[in-house]
Amino acid sequence: MSGAGIEVLEYYLSDYYRVVVIREGEGFLVSVDVYRKGWFFKDYEEKCVGDGKVCLLFKQLLPTSLSNELSGITEKIIVEGIRVSGIEETISVKWFLRRRPDYEDVLRIFNTSWGLIRCHPPVKDSFNIECEE
């Protein structure tokens, strides 16, 4: 899908979890669907509405925290979560890249995103997510 200078590519790497690559101008945003009950990050930011009953949680990570090929093409990473009525969930990892990711990069980003939230990607069973405490 493309139009008005924006290009969108969508990859389904399991039944329910996808990677969306968005190009606008020279920049690339890669959004990875992830899921984890809870939010274990410290020193994060939050934006709340509805008297604090619904909050967006986000933690920015530096590419220097990566030990693979992605560190050279990554400007920043933002892990997103939500808190609704006191229940927290981790739901997405956003990657801001310096260049267009190829399919191998997309696979690495998908797997690394799950690792960043301390979980294994649910490739065989989308509802059986194994995470470290």
N, C-alpha and C. Protein backbone atom coordinates (compact mmCIF):
# COMPACT_ATOMS: atom_id res chain seq x y z
N MET A 1 0.86 -1.17 0.00
CA MET A 1 0.00 0.00 0.00
C MET A 1 0.90 1.23 0.00
N SER A 2 0.59 2.18 -0.84
CA SER A 2 1.37 3.42 -0.83
C SER A 2 0.49 4.56 -1.34
N GLY A 3 0.94 5.75 -1.06
CA GLY A 3 0.22 6.93 -1.50
C GLY A 3 0.72 8.14 -0.77
N ALA A 4 0.73 9.27 -1.45
CA ALA A 4 1.12 10.55 -0.86
C ALA A 4 2.46 10.49 -0.15
N GLY A 5 3.43 9.77 -0.74
CA GLY A 5 4.76 9.72 -0.15
C GLY A 5 4.93 8.75 0.99
N ILE A 6 3.88 7.99 1.30
CA ILE A 6 3.96 7.00 2.38
C ILE A 6 3.82 5.62 1.77
N GLU A 7 4.68 4.70 2.20
CA GLU A 7 4.62 3.31 1.75
C GLU A 7 4.46 2.44 2.98
N VAL A 8 3.56 1.46 2.92
CA VAL A 8 3.32 0.56 4.05
C VAL A 8 3.45 -0.88 3.58
N LEU A 9 4.27 -1.66 4.29
CA LEU A 9 4.42 -3.09 4.05
C LEU A 9 4.02 -3.82 5.32
N GLU A 10 3.34 -4.95 5.16
CA GLU A 10 2.85 -5.69 6.33
C GLU A 10 3.29 -7.15 6.19
N TYR A 11 3.91 -7.68 7.26
CA TYR A 11 4.38 -9.06 7.29
C TYR A 11 3.72 -9.78 8.46
N TYR A 12 3.07 -10.90 8.18
CA TYR A 12 2.53 -11.73 9.26
C TYR A 12 3.50 -12.87 9.49
N LEU A 13 4.12 -12.89 10.67
CA LEU A 13 5.10 -13.91 10.99
C LEU A 13 4.51 -14.98 11.90
N SER A 14 3.29 -14.80 12.31
CA SER A 14 2.48 -15.82 12.98
C SER A 14 1.03 -15.42 12.74
N ASP A 15 0.08 -16.19 13.24
CA ASP A 15 -1.33 -15.91 12.94
C ASP A 15 -1.79 -14.54 13.41
N TYR A 16 -1.29 -14.09 14.55
CA TYR A 16 -1.81 -12.86 15.15
C TYR A 16 -0.78 -11.75 15.31
N TYR A 17 0.47 -12.03 15.07
CA TYR A 17 1.52 -11.04 15.32
C TYR A 17 2.15 -10.64 14.00
N ARG A 18 2.23 -9.34 13.78
CA ARG A 18 2.72 -8.84 12.51
C ARG A 18 3.80 -7.80 12.70
N VAL A 19 4.47 -7.52 11.60
CA VAL A 19 5.44 -6.44 11.53
C VAL A 19 4.97 -5.51 10.42
N VAL A 20 4.84 -4.23 10.74
CA VAL A 20 4.43 -3.23 9.76
C VAL A 20 5.62 -2.29 9.54
N VAL A 21 5.99 -2.12 8.27
CA VAL A 21 7.08 -1.21 7.90
C VAL A 21 6.44 -0.02 7.20
N ILE A 22 6.72 1.17 7.72
CA ILE A 22 6.16 2.40 7.15
C ILE A 22 7.32 3.29 6.72
N ARG A 23 7.30 3.67 5.44
CA ARG A 23 8.30 4.62 4.94
C ARG A 23 7.60 5.94 4.68
N GLU A 24 8.19 6.99 5.23
CA GLU A 24 7.73 8.34 4.92
C GLU A 24 8.98 9.16 4.66
N GLY A 25 9.13 9.61 3.44
CA GLY A 25 10.34 10.32 3.07
C GLY A 25 11.53 9.38 3.17
N GLU A 26 12.55 9.79 3.88
CA GLU A 26 13.75 8.98 4.05
C GLU A 26 13.71 8.09 5.29
N GLY A 27 12.68 8.26 6.12
CA GLY A 27 12.62 7.53 7.39
C GLY A 27 11.79 6.26 7.30
N PHE A 28 12.13 5.30 8.16
CA PHE A 28 11.43 4.03 8.23
C PHE A 28 11.05 3.74 9.67
N LEU A 29 9.77 3.48 9.88
CA LEU A 29 9.26 3.07 11.18
C LEU A 29 8.81 1.62 11.04
N VAL A 30 9.28 0.78 11.95
CA VAL A 30 8.88 -0.63 11.96
C VAL A 30 8.16 -0.87 13.27
N SER A 31 6.91 -1.31 13.17
CA SER A 31 6.08 -1.58 14.34
C SER A 31 5.86 -3.09 14.45
N VAL A 32 6.20 -3.64 15.62
CA VAL A 32 6.09 -5.08 15.84
C VAL A 32 5.02 -5.33 16.91
N ASP A 33 4.02 -6.12 16.56
CA ASP A 33 3.02 -6.54 17.54
C ASP A 33 3.65 -7.58 18.46
N VAL A 34 3.58 -7.33 19.75
CA VAL A 34 4.05 -8.29 20.76
C VAL A 34 2.98 -8.33 21.85
N TYR A 35 3.10 -9.28 22.74
CA TYR A 35 2.19 -9.30 23.89
C TYR A 35 2.87 -9.94 25.09
N ARG A 36 2.71 -9.27 26.21
CA ARG A 36 3.20 -9.80 27.47
C ARG A 36 2.31 -9.23 28.57
N LYS A 37 1.85 -10.10 29.45
CA LYS A 37 1.14 -9.62 30.63
C LYS A 37 2.15 -8.89 31.49
N GLY A 38 1.79 -7.72 31.95
CA GLY A 38 2.67 -6.95 32.82
C GLY A 38 3.59 -6.02 32.07
N TRP A 39 4.30 -5.22 32.85
CA TRP A 39 5.25 -4.22 32.35
C TRP A 39 6.41 -4.21 33.33
N PHE A 40 7.59 -4.68 32.91
CA PHE A 40 8.71 -4.83 33.85
C PHE A 40 9.73 -3.71 33.75
N PHE A 41 9.57 -2.79 32.80
CA PHE A 41 10.57 -1.74 32.62
C PHE A 41 10.53 -0.73 33.76
N LYS A 42 11.69 -0.27 34.13
CA LYS A 42 11.83 0.82 35.11
C LYS A 42 12.19 2.09 34.33
N ASP A 43 12.06 3.23 34.97
CA ASP A 43 12.45 4.50 34.36
C ASP A 43 11.80 4.68 32.98
N TYR A 44 10.49 4.66 32.96
CA TYR A 44 9.74 4.80 31.72
C TYR A 44 8.82 6.02 31.83
N GLU A 45 8.21 6.38 30.71
CA GLU A 45 7.28 7.50 30.68
C GLU A 45 5.87 6.96 30.51
N GLU A 46 4.90 7.75 30.94
CA GLU A 46 3.51 7.38 30.72
C GLU A 46 2.67 8.62 30.44
N LYS A 47 1.64 8.42 29.65
CA LYS A 47 0.65 9.45 29.33
C LYS A 47 -0.71 8.85 29.65
N CYS A 48 -1.47 9.53 30.51
CA CYS A 48 -2.75 8.98 30.98
C CYS A 48 -3.92 9.87 30.60
N VAL A 49 -5.08 9.25 30.47
CA VAL A 49 -6.35 9.95 30.24
C VAL A 49 -7.38 9.36 31.19
N GLY A 50 -8.52 9.99 31.27
CA GLY A 50 -9.60 9.46 32.10
C GLY A 50 -9.23 9.34 33.56
N ASP A 51 -8.67 10.42 34.13
CA ASP A 51 -8.26 10.42 35.54
C ASP A 51 -7.26 9.32 35.85
N GLY A 52 -6.41 8.99 34.87
CA GLY A 52 -5.35 8.01 35.10
C GLY A 52 -5.78 6.57 35.00
N LYS A 53 -7.00 6.32 34.55
CA LYS A 53 -7.48 4.94 34.46
C LYS A 53 -6.96 4.22 33.22
N VAL A 54 -6.59 5.00 32.19
CA VAL A 54 -6.03 4.44 30.97
C VAL A 54 -4.73 5.17 30.68
N CYS A 55 -3.63 4.41 30.59
CA CYS A 55 -2.31 5.02 30.38
C CYS A 55 -1.55 4.30 29.28
N LEU A 56 -0.84 5.08 28.47
CA LEU A 56 0.13 4.55 27.52
C LEU A 56 1.48 4.59 28.22
N LEU A 57 2.16 3.46 28.25
CA LEU A 57 3.48 3.36 28.86
C LEU A 57 4.50 3.24 27.74
N PHE A 58 5.63 3.92 27.86
CA PHE A 58 6.66 3.72 26.85
C PHE A 58 8.05 3.88 27.43
N LYS A 59 8.92 3.03 26.92
CA LYS A 59 10.32 2.99 27.33
C LYS A 59 11.17 3.09 26.09
N GLN A 60 12.04 4.10 26.03
CA GLN A 60 12.95 4.24 24.90
C GLN A 60 14.23 3.49 25.20
N LEU A 61 14.68 2.71 24.21
CA LEU A 61 15.93 1.97 24.32
C LEU A 61 16.90 2.48 23.27
N LEU A 62 18.17 2.48 23.60
CA LEU A 62 19.19 2.92 22.66
C LEU A 62 19.66 1.73 21.83
N PRO A 63 20.01 1.96 20.56
CA PRO A 63 20.48 0.85 19.73
C PRO A 63 21.77 0.24 20.25
N THR A 64 22.50 0.96 21.08
CA THR A 64 23.73 0.39 21.64
C THR A 64 23.44 -0.78 22.57
N SER A 65 22.18 -0.94 22.98
CA SER A 65 21.81 -2.08 23.82
C SER A 65 21.66 -3.35 23.00
N LEU A 66 21.70 -3.22 21.67
CA LEU A 66 21.59 -4.39 20.79
C LEU A 66 22.97 -4.96 20.51
N SER A 67 23.03 -6.26 20.41
CA SER A 67 24.32 -6.89 20.14
C SER A 67 24.32 -7.57 18.78
N ASN A 68 23.43 -7.16 17.88
CA ASN A 68 23.39 -7.80 16.58
C ASN A 68 23.48 -6.77 15.46
N GLU A 69 23.22 -7.22 14.24
CA GLU A 69 23.36 -6.38 13.05
C GLU A 69 22.41 -5.18 13.05
N LEU A 70 21.39 -5.22 13.87
CA LEU A 70 20.39 -4.15 13.87
C LEU A 70 20.89 -2.85 14.49
N SER A 71 21.91 -2.92 15.32
CA SER A 71 22.38 -1.71 15.99
C SER A 71 22.89 -0.66 14.99
N GLY A 72 23.44 -1.10 13.88
CA GLY A 72 23.98 -0.17 12.89
C GLY A 72 22.93 0.56 12.08
N ILE A 73 21.71 0.02 12.01
CA ILE A 73 20.67 0.66 11.20
C ILE A 73 19.57 1.30 12.05
N THR A 74 19.67 1.16 13.37
CA THR A 74 18.60 1.60 14.26
C THR A 74 18.93 2.95 14.90
N GLU A 75 18.01 3.90 14.82
CA GLU A 75 18.16 5.18 15.51
C GLU A 75 17.68 5.08 16.95
N LYS A 76 16.49 4.49 17.14
CA LYS A 76 15.96 4.30 18.49
C LYS A 76 14.87 3.24 18.46
N ILE A 77 14.55 2.76 19.66
CA ILE A 77 13.52 1.74 19.84
C ILE A 77 12.61 2.23 20.97
N ILE A 78 11.31 2.07 20.78
CA ILE A 78 10.36 2.41 21.84
C ILE A 78 9.46 1.20 22.09
N VAL A 79 9.48 0.73 23.33
CA VAL A 79 8.59 -0.35 23.74
C VAL A 79 7.34 0.30 24.32
N GLU A 80 6.17 -0.16 23.88
CA GLU A 80 4.91 0.42 24.33
C GLU A 80 4.10 -0.57 25.14
N GLY A 81 3.42 -0.04 26.13
CA GLY A 81 2.51 -0.84 26.92
C GLY A 81 1.28 -0.02 27.26
N ILE A 82 0.33 -0.68 27.90
CA ILE A 82 -0.88 0.01 28.35
C ILE A 82 -1.18 -0.39 29.79
N ARG A 83 -1.84 0.53 30.47
CA ARG A 83 -2.38 0.23 31.80
C ARG A 83 -3.84 0.66 31.79
N VAL A 84 -4.73 -0.28 32.02
CA VAL A 84 -6.16 0.00 32.08
C VAL A 84 -6.68 -0.52 33.41
N SER A 85 -7.19 0.39 34.22
CA SER A 85 -7.72 0.04 35.55
C SER A 85 -6.72 -0.78 36.36
N GLY A 86 -5.45 -0.39 36.28
CA GLY A 86 -4.41 -1.01 37.08
C GLY A 86 -3.76 -2.25 36.48
N ILE A 87 -4.27 -2.75 35.36
CA ILE A 87 -3.70 -3.94 34.71
C ILE A 87 -2.78 -3.48 33.59
N GLU A 88 -1.52 -3.95 33.63
CA GLU A 88 -0.53 -3.55 32.64
C GLU A 88 -0.25 -4.68 31.66
N GLU A 89 -0.03 -4.29 30.39
CA GLU A 89 0.33 -5.22 29.33
C GLU A 89 1.33 -4.54 28.41
N THR A 90 2.27 -5.32 27.88
CA THR A 90 3.23 -4.85 26.89
C THR A 90 2.68 -5.25 25.52
N ILE A 91 2.57 -4.30 24.57
CA ILE A 91 1.83 -4.59 23.34
C ILE A 91 2.56 -4.31 22.03
N SER A 92 3.64 -3.54 22.04
CA SER A 92 4.24 -3.16 20.77
C SER A 92 5.69 -2.71 20.96
N VAL A 93 6.49 -2.92 19.92
CA VAL A 93 7.85 -2.39 19.88
C VAL A 93 8.00 -1.62 18.57
N LYS A 94 8.40 -0.36 18.67
CA LYS A 94 8.59 0.49 17.50
C LYS A 94 10.08 0.70 17.26
N TRP A 95 10.50 0.51 16.02
CA TRP A 95 11.88 0.69 15.61
C TRP A 95 11.96 1.85 14.62
N PHE A 96 12.86 2.78 14.85
CA PHE A 96 13.10 3.88 13.93
C PHE A 96 14.44 3.58 13.24
N LEU A 97 14.38 3.34 11.93
CA LEU A 97 15.55 2.86 11.19
C LEU A 97 16.11 3.91 10.25
N ARG A 98 17.40 3.77 9.96
CA ARG A 98 18.10 4.69 9.05
C ARG A 98 17.94 4.29 7.59
N ARG A 99 17.57 3.03 7.36
CA ARG A 99 17.41 2.55 5.98
C ARG A 99 16.26 1.56 5.91
N ARG A 100 15.87 1.23 4.68
CA ARG A 100 14.79 0.26 4.46
C ARG A 100 15.25 -1.12 4.95
N PRO A 101 14.46 -1.77 5.78
CA PRO A 101 14.83 -3.12 6.20
C PRO A 101 14.49 -4.13 5.11
N ASP A 102 15.41 -5.08 4.89
CA ASP A 102 15.08 -6.18 3.98
C ASP A 102 14.36 -7.27 4.79
N TYR A 103 13.97 -8.36 4.13
CA TYR A 103 13.19 -9.38 4.82
C TYR A 103 13.96 -10.01 5.98
N GLU A 104 15.26 -10.20 5.82
CA GLU A 104 16.08 -10.75 6.91
C GLU A 104 16.09 -9.79 8.10
N ASP A 105 16.16 -8.49 7.84
CA ASP A 105 16.08 -7.50 8.92
C ASP A 105 14.73 -7.59 9.63
N VAL A 106 13.65 -7.74 8.86
CA VAL A 106 12.32 -7.85 9.45
C VAL A 106 12.25 -9.05 10.38
N LEU A 107 12.79 -10.18 9.96
CA LEU A 107 12.82 -11.37 10.83
C LEU A 107 13.63 -11.11 12.10
N ARG A 108 14.79 -10.46 11.95
CA ARG A 108 15.62 -10.13 13.13
C ARG A 108 14.88 -9.18 14.06
N ILE A 109 14.23 -8.17 13.49
CA ILE A 109 13.49 -7.20 14.30
C ILE A 109 12.35 -7.89 15.04
N PHE A 110 11.63 -8.77 14.39
CA PHE A 110 10.54 -9.52 15.02
C PHE A 110 11.07 -10.31 16.22
N ASN A 111 12.11 -11.10 15.98
CA ASN A 111 12.66 -11.94 17.06
C ASN A 111 13.30 -11.11 18.16
N THR A 112 14.02 -10.06 17.80
CA THR A 112 14.66 -9.20 18.80
C THR A 112 13.62 -8.47 19.63
N SER A 113 12.52 -8.06 19.02
CA SER A 113 11.45 -7.37 19.76
C SER A 113 10.90 -8.27 20.85
N TRP A 114 10.66 -9.52 20.53
CA TRP A 114 10.18 -10.45 21.56
C TRP A 114 11.23 -10.64 22.64
N GLY A 115 12.50 -10.68 22.26
CA GLY A 115 13.57 -10.80 23.25
C GLY A 115 13.65 -9.58 24.16
N LEU A 116 13.39 -8.39 23.61
CA LEU A 116 13.43 -7.17 24.43
C LEU A 116 12.38 -7.19 25.54
N ILE A 117 11.26 -7.88 25.30
CA ILE A 117 10.24 -7.97 26.35
C ILE A 117 10.37 -9.28 27.14
N ARG A 118 11.50 -9.97 26.93
CA ARG A 118 11.84 -11.21 27.65
C ARG A 118 10.86 -12.34 27.39
N CYS A 119 10.45 -12.45 26.13
CA CYS A 119 9.54 -13.52 25.72
C CYS A 119 10.08 -14.19 24.46
N HIS A 120 9.57 -15.39 24.19
CA HIS A 120 9.87 -16.09 22.95
C HIS A 120 8.73 -15.84 21.96
N PRO A 121 9.05 -15.62 20.69
CA PRO A 121 7.98 -15.37 19.73
C PRO A 121 7.06 -16.59 19.62
N PRO A 122 5.75 -16.38 19.60
CA PRO A 122 4.80 -17.49 19.52
C PRO A 122 4.57 -17.91 18.07
N VAL A 123 5.55 -18.59 17.49
CA VAL A 123 5.48 -18.93 16.08
C VAL A 123 4.49 -20.08 15.82
N LYS A 124 4.45 -21.07 16.71
CA LYS A 124 3.59 -22.23 16.50
C LYS A 124 2.19 -22.05 17.08
N ASP A 125 2.09 -21.45 18.25
CA ASP A 125 0.81 -21.26 18.93
C ASP A 125 0.73 -19.82 19.41
N SER A 126 -0.10 -19.03 18.74
CA SER A 126 -0.17 -17.59 19.03
C SER A 126 -0.64 -17.26 20.43
N PHE A 127 -1.27 -18.21 21.10
CA PHE A 127 -1.80 -17.96 22.44
C PHE A 127 -0.94 -18.54 23.54
N ASN A 128 0.12 -19.24 23.17
CA ASN A 128 1.04 -19.82 24.16
C ASN A 128 2.34 -19.03 24.12
N ILE A 129 2.41 -17.99 24.94
CA ILE A 129 3.56 -17.09 24.95
C ILE A 129 4.40 -17.40 26.18
N GLU A 130 5.66 -17.78 25.94
CA GLU A 130 6.57 -18.09 27.04
C GLU A 130 7.44 -16.88 27.33
N CYS A 131 7.38 -16.41 28.58
CA CYS A 131 8.14 -15.23 28.99
C CYS A 131 8.93 -15.53 30.25
N GLU A 132 10.08 -14.84 30.37
CA GLU A 132 10.86 -14.91 31.60
C GLU A 132 10.24 -13.97 32.62
N GLU A 133 10.42 -14.28 33.88
CA GLU A 133 9.91 -13.40 34.94
C GLU A 133 10.80 -12.21 35.12
